C-alpha cells in the first residue's frame, strides 16, 4: 500500500507530466469524455480514480489521502469519478487483435446483497485481459454471453483454455471454438489475475460494497483498464499493452 511519501512523489510526477504538455493538451478532451464540468481539475479526478483502482484503499481513504495534500474532495466524489470512467469507457478498456489462445476462468465474490460471479479471459502471450462478465449465476448461458464479449476483441477464433467446468462445453460448441481443458502455466496467469483482483478487494473483506451490478461493471472496466495499461509486470517489464505503466500511462491512455 502507498504511504503519504509515495503519494507526494506521484503528485510531483503528475505536475511534471502536466508541465510537459502543450498549452492545448489532451486533458480537455479527457474532461469532456469522462466528466461533467466542475471545479475539480480533470487531472485531480483522474489521479483520485487511479489511486482508488490501483491501491488497497477505500473511497474514504483515498479522499483522506487527497485531503492530506490539501485537495478537498468527498469519498462520494471519488466514487463518482471511478464510476464515470468505467461507464463512459465501455469497451475502451480492451483492444481488438488476432489471438492464438484465450484462457478463461471465473470466481465467486461477495457483493452487498449476495454472491456474484466474475468471468474473465486473458491472452497469455502478453497477460492482457480481453474481456469480463459479471453475473449472479454460473450457467452455460452466462458463459456464452461472456465469450461473445471476449470474441468482440479477437480478429480470429482463438483456442479456448478452461478448467473443464461443464458450463463451458455448450458455449464453446456454439461458438465453434477449439476448447481444451488443462491446467499448468497458461491457466496460472488468469488465476494470478483473479488473485490481484481479490487483493484489491481485500479492504472490503473480499466483497464489492454495492448491490448494483452496473456499479460493479463500471469498477471492473476501470480495473481492467488499469491492469492492461498501467500495472507494471516484472516479467513483461511493463504493462500488458506496453509503455512504462503508472499514472502517466493511465492519463495518457485515457486522454
Protein backbone atom coordinates (compact mmCIF):
# COMPACT_ATOMS: atom_id res chain seq x y z
CA UNK A 1 0.00 0.00 0.00
CA UNK A 2 1.25 3.51 -0.80
CA UNK A 3 2.28 5.74 2.08
CA UNK A 4 1.95 9.51 2.04
CA UNK A 5 5.55 9.98 0.84
CA UNK A 6 4.85 7.85 -2.22
CA UNK A 7 1.62 9.72 -2.93
CA UNK A 8 3.52 13.02 -2.80
CA UNK A 9 6.03 11.54 -5.24
CA UNK A 10 3.15 10.64 -7.57
CA UNK A 11 1.76 14.17 -7.31
CA UNK A 12 5.17 15.58 -8.27
CA UNK A 13 5.28 13.26 -11.26
CA UNK A 14 1.80 14.45 -12.17
CA UNK A 15 2.87 18.10 -12.10
CA UNK A 16 5.99 17.30 -14.14
CA UNK A 17 3.89 15.50 -16.71
CA UNK A 18 1.37 18.34 -16.94
CA UNK A 19 4.16 20.89 -17.37
CA UNK A 20 5.45 18.90 -20.35
CA UNK A 21 2.11 19.06 -22.17
CA UNK A 22 1.50 21.71 -24.84
CA UNK A 23 -0.97 24.50 -23.97
CA UNK A 24 -3.81 22.82 -25.87
CA UNK A 25 -3.40 19.35 -24.41
CA UNK A 26 -5.49 16.22 -24.32
CA UNK A 27 -6.82 16.86 -20.82
CA UNK A 28 -9.64 18.96 -22.25
CA UNK A 29 -10.85 16.06 -24.38
CA UNK A 30 -10.36 13.76 -21.39
CA UNK A 31 -12.51 16.10 -19.29
CA UNK A 32 -15.23 16.26 -21.95
CA UNK A 33 -15.17 12.49 -22.47
CA UNK A 34 -15.32 11.32 -18.87
CA UNK A 35 -16.60 14.08 -16.60
CA UNK A 36 -19.15 16.80 -16.22
CA UNK A 37 -17.62 20.22 -15.81
CA UNK A 38 -16.98 21.19 -12.20
CA UNK A 39 -14.37 22.99 -10.12
CA UNK A 40 -12.16 19.94 -9.54
CA UNK A 41 -9.40 19.88 -12.19
CA UNK A 42 -9.60 16.85 -14.51
CA UNK A 43 -6.08 15.72 -13.61
CA UNK A 44 -7.08 15.52 -9.94
CA UNK A 45 -10.13 13.45 -10.79
CA UNK A 46 -8.04 11.13 -12.94
CA UNK A 47 -5.46 10.87 -10.15
CA UNK A 48 -8.09 10.11 -7.49
CA UNK A 49 -9.63 7.37 -9.64
CA UNK A 50 -6.17 5.94 -10.31
CA UNK A 51 -5.38 5.82 -6.59
CA UNK A 52 -8.62 4.00 -5.84
CA UNK A 53 -8.30 1.43 -8.61
CA UNK A 54 -4.61 0.69 -8.02
CA UNK A 55 -4.41 0.68 -4.21
CA UNK A 56 -5.98 -1.43 -1.48
CA UNK A 57 -7.84 1.65 -0.26
CA UNK A 58 -11.46 2.57 0.34
CA UNK A 59 -13.10 5.65 -1.17
CA UNK A 60 -12.84 7.35 2.22
CA UNK A 61 -9.14 6.57 2.47
CA UNK A 62 -8.43 7.99 -0.99
CA UNK A 63 -10.43 11.09 -0.02
CA UNK A 64 -8.28 11.34 3.12
CA UNK A 65 -5.02 10.96 1.15
CA UNK A 66 -6.06 13.75 -1.18
CA UNK A 67 -7.11 15.84 1.82
CA UNK A 68 -3.62 15.46 3.30
CA UNK A 69 -2.39 17.10 0.10
CA UNK A 70 -4.90 19.96 0.51
CA UNK A 71 -7.17 18.53 -2.17
CA UNK A 72 -10.60 18.63 -0.53
CA UNK A 73 -12.99 16.10 -2.03
CA UNK A 74 -15.56 13.76 -0.52
CA UNK A 75 -15.46 9.98 -0.75
CA UNK A 76 -18.68 10.18 -2.77
CA UNK A 77 -16.83 12.31 -5.33
CA UNK A 78 -14.08 9.69 -5.63
CA UNK A 79 -16.74 7.01 -6.13
CA UNK A 80 -18.37 9.07 -8.86
CA UNK A 81 -15.02 9.56 -10.68
CA UNK A 82 -14.39 5.81 -10.81
CA UNK A 83 -17.97 5.13 -11.88
CA UNK A 84 -17.89 7.79 -14.59
CA UNK A 85 -14.64 6.49 -16.07
CA UNK A 86 -15.95 2.93 -16.12
CA UNK A 87 -19.35 3.93 -17.50
CA UNK A 88 -18.06 6.08 -20.33
CA UNK A 89 -15.12 3.84 -21.15
CA UNK A 90 -17.31 0.93 -22.24
CA UNK A 91 -15.23 -1.50 -24.28
CA UNK A 92 -12.39 1.03 -24.45
CA UNK A 93 -10.58 -0.98 -21.79
CA UNK A 94 -9.89 -3.68 -24.37
CA UNK A 95 -8.14 -3.99 -27.73
CA UNK A 96 -9.17 -5.98 -30.79
CA UNK A 97 -6.48 -8.09 -32.45
CA UNK A 98 -5.61 -11.62 -33.51
CA UNK A 99 -5.03 -14.00 -30.61
CA UNK A 100 -3.68 -17.54 -30.50
CA UNK A 101 -5.20 -18.50 -27.15
CA UNK A 102 -7.76 -17.27 -24.62
CA UNK A 103 -7.57 -18.55 -21.05
CA UNK A 104 -10.92 -18.21 -19.28
CA UNK A 105 -11.91 -18.65 -15.67
CA UNK A 106 -14.37 -17.31 -13.12
CA UNK A 107 -14.55 -16.66 -9.40
CA UNK A 108 -17.27 -16.11 -6.83
CA UNK A 109 -17.15 -12.81 -4.95
CA UNK A 110 -19.42 -11.45 -2.25
CA UNK A 111 -21.45 -8.36 -3.08
CA UNK A 112 -23.55 -6.31 -0.70
CA UNK A 113 -26.71 -8.33 -1.30
CA UNK A 114 -25.31 -11.78 -2.02
CA UNK A 115 -22.79 -13.51 -4.26
CA UNK A 116 -21.80 -12.74 -7.85
CA UNK A 117 -19.63 -14.46 -10.43
CA UNK A 118 -16.91 -12.57 -12.25
CA UNK A 119 -15.82 -14.22 -15.50
CA UNK A 120 -12.60 -13.07 -17.20
CA UNK A 121 -10.40 -14.11 -20.13
CA UNK A 122 -6.72 -13.40 -20.66
CA UNK A 123 -4.36 -13.53 -23.62
CA UNK A 124 -1.44 -15.45 -22.06
CA UNK A 125 1.06 -14.12 -24.57
CA UNK A 126 1.05 -10.64 -23.03
CA UNK A 127 -1.15 -11.13 -19.91
CA UNK A 128 -3.78 -8.79 -21.38
CA UNK A 129 -7.34 -9.05 -20.08
CA UNK A 130 -9.53 -9.50 -23.16
CA UNK A 131 -12.95 -9.27 -21.54
CA UNK A 132 -15.06 -9.93 -18.46
CA UNK A 133 -18.65 -10.57 -17.46
CA UNK A 134 -20.49 -10.11 -14.16
CA UNK A 135 -23.48 -12.29 -13.33
CA UNK A 136 -25.43 -13.64 -10.38
CA UNK A 137 -25.28 -17.10 -11.97
CA UNK A 138 -22.75 -19.51 -13.44
CA UNK A 139 -24.75 -21.22 -16.15
CA UNK A 140 -23.86 -22.07 -19.74
CA UNK A 141 -25.88 -19.07 -20.98
CA UNK A 142 -23.74 -16.77 -18.81
CA UNK A 143 -20.58 -18.27 -20.29
CA UNK A 144 -21.99 -17.81 -23.80
CA UNK A 145 -22.61 -14.11 -23.16
CA UNK A 146 -19.14 -13.78 -21.63
CA UNK A 147 -17.33 -15.49 -24.51
CA UNK A 148 -19.20 -13.43 -27.09
CA UNK A 149 -17.99 -10.30 -25.33
CA UNK A 150 -14.42 -11.60 -25.45
CA UNK A 151 -14.61 -12.58 -29.14
CA UNK A 152 -15.51 -8.97 -29.99
CA UNK A 153 -11.89 -8.24 -29.10
CA UNK A 154 -10.46 -11.04 -31.24
CA UNK A 155 -9.99 -10.85 -35.01
CA UNK A 156 -9.99 -14.63 -35.21
CA UNK A 157 -11.29 -17.65 -33.32
CA UNK A 158 -8.61 -18.42 -30.71
CA UNK A 159 -8.19 -21.68 -28.83
CA UNK A 160 -10.09 -21.61 -25.54
CA UNK A 161 -8.42 -22.99 -22.41
CA UNK A 162 -10.52 -23.56 -19.27
CA UNK A 163 -10.50 -25.70 -16.16
CA UNK A 164 -13.03 -28.06 -17.74
CA UNK A 165 -16.14 -26.78 -15.97
CA UNK A 166 -19.23 -28.25 -17.71
CA UNK A 167 -20.70 -24.76 -18.19
CA UNK A 168 -18.01 -24.13 -20.85
CA UNK A 169 -18.83 -27.08 -23.13
CA UNK A 170 -22.02 -25.95 -24.87
CA UNK A 171 -20.92 -22.30 -25.40
CA UNK A 172 -17.61 -23.44 -26.92
CA UNK A 173 -19.51 -25.71 -29.33
CA UNK A 174 -21.98 -22.99 -30.28
CA UNK A 175 -19.12 -20.55 -30.99
CA UNK A 176 -17.05 -23.23 -32.76
CA UNK A 177 -14.05 -22.71 -30.54
CA UNK A 178 -11.30 -25.27 -30.09
CA UNK A 179 -11.82 -25.91 -26.38
CA UNK A 180 -9.13 -27.55 -24.25
CA UNK A 181 -9.41 -28.25 -20.52
CA UNK A 182 -5.94 -28.17 -18.99
CA UNK A 183 -4.02 -26.83 -16.01
CA UNK A 184 -0.49 -25.51 -15.95
CA UNK A 185 1.28 -22.30 -16.81
CA UNK A 186 -1.28 -20.62 -19.10
CA UNK A 187 -4.08 -21.13 -16.56
CA UNK A 188 -1.82 -19.87 -13.78
CA UNK A 189 -1.82 -16.43 -15.41
CA UNK A 190 -5.58 -15.92 -15.14
CA UNK A 191 -5.59 -17.38 -11.63
CA UNK A 192 -2.96 -14.82 -10.61
CA UNK A 193 -5.11 -12.08 -12.13
CA UNK A 194 -8.05 -13.13 -10.00
CA UNK A 195 -5.65 -13.07 -7.05
CA UNK A 196 -4.77 -9.46 -7.95
CA UNK A 197 -8.47 -8.58 -8.14
CA UNK A 198 -9.20 -10.18 -4.78
CA UNK A 199 -6.17 -8.45 -3.24
CA UNK A 200 -7.65 -5.16 -4.45
CA UNK A 201 -10.99 -6.03 -2.86
CA UNK A 202 -9.44 -7.30 0.38
CA UNK A 203 -10.08 -3.92 2.03
CA UNK A 204 -13.79 -4.83 1.79
CA UNK A 205 -13.25 -8.37 3.14
CA UNK A 206 -13.29 -9.60 -0.49
CA UNK A 207 -16.62 -8.12 -1.49
CA UNK A 208 -17.97 -5.33 -3.63
CA UNK A 209 -19.55 -2.65 -1.39
CA UNK A 210 -22.52 -2.20 -3.70
CA UNK A 211 -25.72 -4.02 -4.54
CA UNK A 212 -25.91 -2.81 -8.15
CA UNK A 213 -24.40 -4.94 -10.90
CA UNK A 214 -23.94 -1.81 -13.04
CA UNK A 215 -21.66 -0.24 -10.42
CA UNK A 216 -19.62 -3.45 -10.24
CA UNK A 217 -19.30 -3.49 -14.04
CA UNK A 218 -18.08 0.12 -14.03
CA UNK A 219 -15.43 -0.67 -11.43
CA UNK A 220 -14.34 -3.77 -13.37
CA UNK A 221 -13.92 -1.74 -16.57
CA UNK A 222 -11.70 0.76 -14.77
CA UNK A 223 -9.79 -2.05 -13.04
CA UNK A 224 -9.18 -3.95 -16.31
CA UNK A 225 -8.11 -0.72 -17.99
CA UNK A 226 -5.60 -0.03 -15.20
CA UNK A 227 -4.35 -3.63 -15.34
CA UNK A 228 -3.85 -3.57 -19.13
CA UNK A 229 -2.47 -0.06 -19.47
CA UNK A 230 -0.80 0.93 -16.19
CA UNK A 231 0.06 -2.02 -13.95
CA UNK A 232 3.75 -2.86 -14.19
CA UNK A 233 4.57 -6.56 -14.63
CA UNK A 234 8.09 -7.59 -13.70
CA UNK A 235 8.20 -10.42 -16.24
CA UNK A 236 6.95 -8.14 -19.03
CA UNK A 237 8.98 -5.13 -17.82
CA UNK A 238 5.88 -3.00 -18.25
CA UNK A 239 2.08 -3.28 -18.52
CA UNK A 240 0.46 -5.76 -20.94
CA UNK A 241 -0.20 -3.06 -23.55
CA UNK A 242 3.36 -1.69 -23.40
CA UNK A 243 4.79 1.59 -22.18
CA UNK A 244 6.22 2.35 -18.76
CA UNK A 245 2.99 2.00 -16.81
CA UNK A 246 1.98 4.03 -13.77
CA UNK A 247 -0.14 7.15 -13.55
CA UNK A 248 1.39 8.90 -16.55
CA UNK A 249 0.44 5.95 -18.75
CA UNK A 250 -3.06 5.95 -17.20
CA UNK A 251 -3.75 9.59 -18.00
CA UNK A 252 -2.12 9.44 -21.44
CA UNK A 253 -4.21 6.45 -22.44
CA UNK A 254 -7.41 7.98 -21.04
CA UNK A 255 -6.74 11.17 -22.96
